[in-house]
Amino acid sequence: MPSTATRTEETAEGVLLTGTSAPLRVNVMTPWRLSARRVQATGNGPLGRGARGPIPLHLIYEARDVRVTPGQPVTWHMTLRPGT
């Protein structure tokens, strides 16, 4: 998830993204085990250049060996809330 935030903080409710704009809390729930959750600083690379300004951080969730079977729905949730 790209973000204009400049700082992140791990909390019990997910990840809190803060910076010059309003804080944002991100939480992801999946039926499979997440193998990694990390933050990537984009620097001056192509991923850091947005049409309306810089995008300094990307919040990345990874899962390995996820199997999706035809006819069996898979549901995951990403919740975005204003941070406090």
N, C-alpha and C. Protein backbone atom coordinates (compact mmCIF):
# COMPACT_ATOMS: atom_id res chain seq x y z
N MET A 1 0.84 -1.16 0.00
CA MET A 1 0.00 0.00 0.00
C MET A 1 0.90 1.23 0.00
N PRO A 2 0.89 2.03 -1.04
CA PRO A 2 1.69 3.25 -1.05
C PRO A 2 1.14 4.29 -0.08
N SER A 3 2.02 5.08 0.51
CA SER A 3 1.60 6.06 1.50
C SER A 3 2.47 7.30 1.45
N THR A 4 1.85 8.44 1.71
CA THR A 4 2.62 9.68 1.83
C THR A 4 3.15 9.86 3.24
N ALA A 5 2.90 8.90 4.12
CA ALA A 5 3.41 8.97 5.49
C ALA A 5 4.93 8.90 5.49
N THR A 6 5.53 9.41 6.54
CA THR A 6 6.99 9.36 6.66
C THR A 6 7.44 8.50 7.84
N ARG A 7 6.47 8.04 8.67
CA ARG A 7 6.80 7.20 9.82
C ARG A 7 5.75 6.11 9.97
N THR A 8 6.19 4.97 10.52
CA THR A 8 5.26 3.88 10.83
C THR A 8 5.48 3.41 12.26
N GLU A 9 4.43 2.87 12.84
CA GLU A 9 4.51 2.32 14.19
C GLU A 9 3.63 1.08 14.26
N GLU A 10 4.20 -0.03 14.74
CA GLU A 10 3.44 -1.26 14.93
C GLU A 10 2.59 -1.11 16.20
N THR A 11 1.30 -1.40 16.09
CA THR A 11 0.41 -1.33 17.25
C THR A 11 -0.43 -2.60 17.30
N ALA A 12 -1.15 -2.78 18.37
CA ALA A 12 -2.03 -3.95 18.50
C ALA A 12 -3.14 -3.93 17.46
N GLU A 13 -3.51 -2.74 16.97
CA GLU A 13 -4.59 -2.60 15.99
C GLU A 13 -4.09 -2.57 14.56
N GLY A 14 -2.81 -2.81 14.33
CA GLY A 14 -2.25 -2.77 12.99
C GLY A 14 -1.06 -1.85 12.92
N VAL A 15 -0.88 -1.21 11.78
CA VAL A 15 0.23 -0.29 11.56
C VAL A 15 -0.31 1.13 11.52
N LEU A 16 0.32 2.02 12.26
CA LEU A 16 -0.06 3.43 12.25
C LEU A 16 0.91 4.18 11.36
N LEU A 17 0.38 4.84 10.33
CA LEU A 17 1.18 5.64 9.40
C LEU A 17 0.99 7.11 9.76
N THR A 18 2.09 7.82 9.97
CA THR A 18 2.01 9.23 10.32
C THR A 18 2.97 10.05 9.46
N GLY A 19 2.71 11.32 9.38
CA GLY A 19 3.54 12.23 8.61
C GLY A 19 2.91 13.60 8.61
N THR A 20 3.00 14.29 7.49
CA THR A 20 2.47 15.66 7.41
C THR A 20 0.95 15.69 7.26
N SER A 21 0.36 14.60 6.74
CA SER A 21 -1.11 14.56 6.62
C SER A 21 -1.69 13.79 7.81
N ALA A 22 -2.98 13.58 7.80
CA ALA A 22 -3.67 12.92 8.92
C ALA A 22 -3.15 11.50 9.10
N PRO A 23 -3.02 11.05 10.35
CA PRO A 23 -2.56 9.67 10.59
C PRO A 23 -3.57 8.65 10.08
N LEU A 24 -3.06 7.49 9.66
CA LEU A 24 -3.90 6.43 9.12
C LEU A 24 -3.49 5.11 9.76
N ARG A 25 -4.49 4.34 10.22
CA ARG A 25 -4.24 3.04 10.81
C ARG A 25 -4.65 1.97 9.80
N VAL A 26 -3.75 1.01 9.53
CA VAL A 26 -3.99 -0.05 8.54
C VAL A 26 -3.95 -1.40 9.25
N ASN A 27 -4.96 -2.23 8.99
CA ASN A 27 -4.99 -3.57 9.54
C ASN A 27 -5.41 -4.53 8.44
N VAL A 28 -4.71 -5.66 8.32
CA VAL A 28 -5.04 -6.67 7.31
C VAL A 28 -5.33 -7.99 8.02
N MET A 29 -6.45 -8.61 7.66
CA MET A 29 -6.82 -9.93 8.20
C MET A 29 -6.99 -10.88 7.03
N THR A 30 -6.31 -12.03 7.09
CA THR A 30 -6.37 -13.02 6.01
C THR A 30 -6.64 -14.40 6.59
N PRO A 31 -7.17 -15.32 5.77
CA PRO A 31 -7.37 -16.69 6.24
C PRO A 31 -6.07 -17.49 6.24
N TRP A 32 -5.03 -16.95 5.66
CA TRP A 32 -3.73 -17.61 5.62
C TRP A 32 -2.74 -16.84 6.48
N ARG A 33 -1.66 -17.47 6.81
CA ARG A 33 -0.63 -16.85 7.64
C ARG A 33 0.21 -15.90 6.78
N LEU A 34 0.33 -14.66 7.24
CA LEU A 34 1.20 -13.71 6.54
C LEU A 34 2.64 -14.04 6.88
N SER A 35 3.48 -14.14 5.86
CA SER A 35 4.87 -14.47 6.10
C SER A 35 5.70 -13.23 6.41
N ALA A 36 5.22 -12.07 5.99
CA ALA A 36 6.00 -10.85 6.26
C ALA A 36 5.10 -9.62 6.16
N ARG A 37 5.44 -8.64 6.96
CA ARG A 37 4.85 -7.30 6.86
C ARG A 37 6.03 -6.37 7.00
N ARG A 38 6.25 -5.55 6.01
CA ARG A 38 7.42 -4.68 6.05
C ARG A 38 7.11 -3.33 5.43
N VAL A 39 8.00 -2.41 5.68
CA VAL A 39 7.89 -1.06 5.12
C VAL A 39 9.07 -0.86 4.18
N GLN A 40 8.79 -0.38 2.99
CA GLN A 40 9.84 -0.10 2.01
C GLN A 40 9.92 1.41 1.81
N ALA A 41 11.11 1.97 2.05
CA ALA A 41 11.34 3.39 1.76
C ALA A 41 11.72 3.49 0.30
N THR A 42 11.02 4.36 -0.44
CA THR A 42 11.19 4.41 -1.89
C THR A 42 12.32 5.30 -2.35
N GLY A 43 12.75 6.26 -1.52
CA GLY A 43 13.82 7.16 -1.94
C GLY A 43 13.43 7.95 -3.17
N ASN A 44 14.39 8.19 -4.05
CA ASN A 44 14.11 8.94 -5.28
C ASN A 44 13.82 8.03 -6.46
N GLY A 45 13.56 6.75 -6.20
CA GLY A 45 13.27 5.81 -7.27
C GLY A 45 11.89 6.03 -7.87
N PRO A 46 11.58 5.30 -8.94
CA PRO A 46 10.29 5.46 -9.61
C PRO A 46 9.09 5.22 -8.70
N LEU A 47 9.19 4.29 -7.75
CA LEU A 47 8.07 4.02 -6.85
C LEU A 47 7.78 5.18 -5.91
N GLY A 48 8.75 6.05 -5.72
CA GLY A 48 8.58 7.18 -4.80
C GLY A 48 8.06 8.44 -5.46
N ARG A 49 7.84 8.40 -6.76
CA ARG A 49 7.38 9.59 -7.47
C ARG A 49 5.89 9.46 -7.78
N GLY A 50 5.12 10.34 -7.18
CA GLY A 50 3.68 10.36 -7.44
C GLY A 50 3.29 11.57 -8.26
N ALA A 51 2.13 11.51 -8.87
CA ALA A 51 1.65 12.62 -9.70
C ALA A 51 1.40 13.88 -8.88
N ARG A 52 1.10 13.72 -7.59
CA ARG A 52 0.79 14.87 -6.73
C ARG A 52 1.80 15.06 -5.62
N GLY A 53 2.94 14.43 -5.73
CA GLY A 53 3.98 14.58 -4.71
C GLY A 53 4.64 13.26 -4.40
N PRO A 54 5.61 13.28 -3.50
CA PRO A 54 6.36 12.06 -3.20
C PRO A 54 5.52 11.03 -2.44
N ILE A 55 5.88 9.76 -2.64
CA ILE A 55 5.27 8.64 -1.93
C ILE A 55 6.42 7.92 -1.23
N PRO A 56 6.81 8.40 -0.03
CA PRO A 56 8.03 7.91 0.59
C PRO A 56 8.00 6.49 1.14
N LEU A 57 6.82 5.98 1.50
CA LEU A 57 6.76 4.65 2.11
C LEU A 57 5.73 3.76 1.42
N HIS A 58 6.05 2.48 1.33
CA HIS A 58 5.10 1.46 0.88
C HIS A 58 4.99 0.43 2.00
N LEU A 59 3.78 0.14 2.42
CA LEU A 59 3.52 -0.89 3.41
C LEU A 59 3.22 -2.18 2.63
N ILE A 60 4.03 -3.22 2.87
CA ILE A 60 3.96 -4.44 2.06
C ILE A 60 3.61 -5.63 2.95
N TYR A 61 2.61 -6.39 2.52
CA TYR A 61 2.21 -7.63 3.18
C TYR A 61 2.52 -8.77 2.23
N GLU A 62 3.12 -9.85 2.74
CA GLU A 62 3.45 -11.00 1.91
C GLU A 62 2.93 -12.28 2.55
N ALA A 63 2.50 -13.22 1.69
CA ALA A 63 2.09 -14.55 2.14
C ALA A 63 2.63 -15.54 1.12
N ARG A 64 3.10 -16.67 1.60
CA ARG A 64 3.65 -17.70 0.72
C ARG A 64 2.74 -18.93 0.74
N ASP A 65 2.81 -19.69 -0.33
CA ASP A 65 2.08 -20.95 -0.46
C ASP A 65 0.57 -20.78 -0.27
N VAL A 66 0.03 -19.70 -0.79
CA VAL A 66 -1.42 -19.47 -0.73
C VAL A 66 -2.06 -20.28 -1.86
N ARG A 67 -3.06 -21.05 -1.52
CA ARG A 67 -3.75 -21.85 -2.52
C ARG A 67 -5.18 -21.32 -2.70
N VAL A 68 -5.52 -21.04 -3.93
CA VAL A 68 -6.88 -20.60 -4.27
C VAL A 68 -7.48 -21.70 -5.13
N THR A 69 -8.58 -22.26 -4.66
CA THR A 69 -9.22 -23.39 -5.32
C THR A 69 -10.52 -22.91 -5.98
N PRO A 70 -10.74 -23.30 -7.25
CA PRO A 70 -11.99 -22.93 -7.92
C PRO A 70 -13.20 -23.38 -7.11
N GLY A 71 -14.19 -22.50 -7.01
CA GLY A 71 -15.41 -22.82 -6.30
C GLY A 71 -15.35 -22.63 -4.79
N GLN A 72 -14.18 -22.30 -4.26
CA GLN A 72 -14.05 -22.06 -2.82
C GLN A 72 -13.59 -20.62 -2.63
N PRO A 73 -14.50 -19.74 -2.21
CA PRO A 73 -14.14 -18.33 -2.07
C PRO A 73 -13.10 -18.12 -0.97
N VAL A 74 -12.26 -17.13 -1.19
CA VAL A 74 -11.26 -16.71 -0.21
C VAL A 74 -11.53 -15.24 0.08
N THR A 75 -11.61 -14.89 1.35
CA THR A 75 -11.90 -13.51 1.73
C THR A 75 -10.79 -12.99 2.63
N TRP A 76 -10.33 -11.79 2.34
CA TRP A 76 -9.40 -11.10 3.22
C TRP A 76 -9.88 -9.67 3.36
N HIS A 77 -9.48 -9.03 4.45
CA HIS A 77 -9.96 -7.68 4.74
C HIS A 77 -8.79 -6.74 5.00
N MET A 78 -8.86 -5.58 4.42
CA MET A 78 -7.94 -4.49 4.74
C MET A 78 -8.79 -3.36 5.30
N THR A 79 -8.48 -2.95 6.52
CA THR A 79 -9.23 -1.89 7.17
C THR A 79 -8.35 -0.66 7.27
N LEU A 80 -8.85 0.46 6.80
CA LEU A 80 -8.17 1.76 6.89
C LEU A 80 -9.02 2.65 7.78
N ARG A 81 -8.42 3.16 8.85
CA ARG A 81 -9.13 4.04 9.78
C ARG A 81 -8.27 5.25 10.09
N PRO A 82 -8.91 6.36 10.42
CA PRO A 82 -8.11 7.50 10.88
C PRO A 82 -7.34 7.10 12.13
N GLY A 83 -6.09 7.44 12.20
CA GLY A 83 -5.27 7.13 13.38
C GLY A 83 -5.48 8.16 14.46
N THR A 84 -5.23 7.78 15.69
CA THR A 84 -5.36 8.73 16.81
C THR A 84 -4.12 8.69 17.65
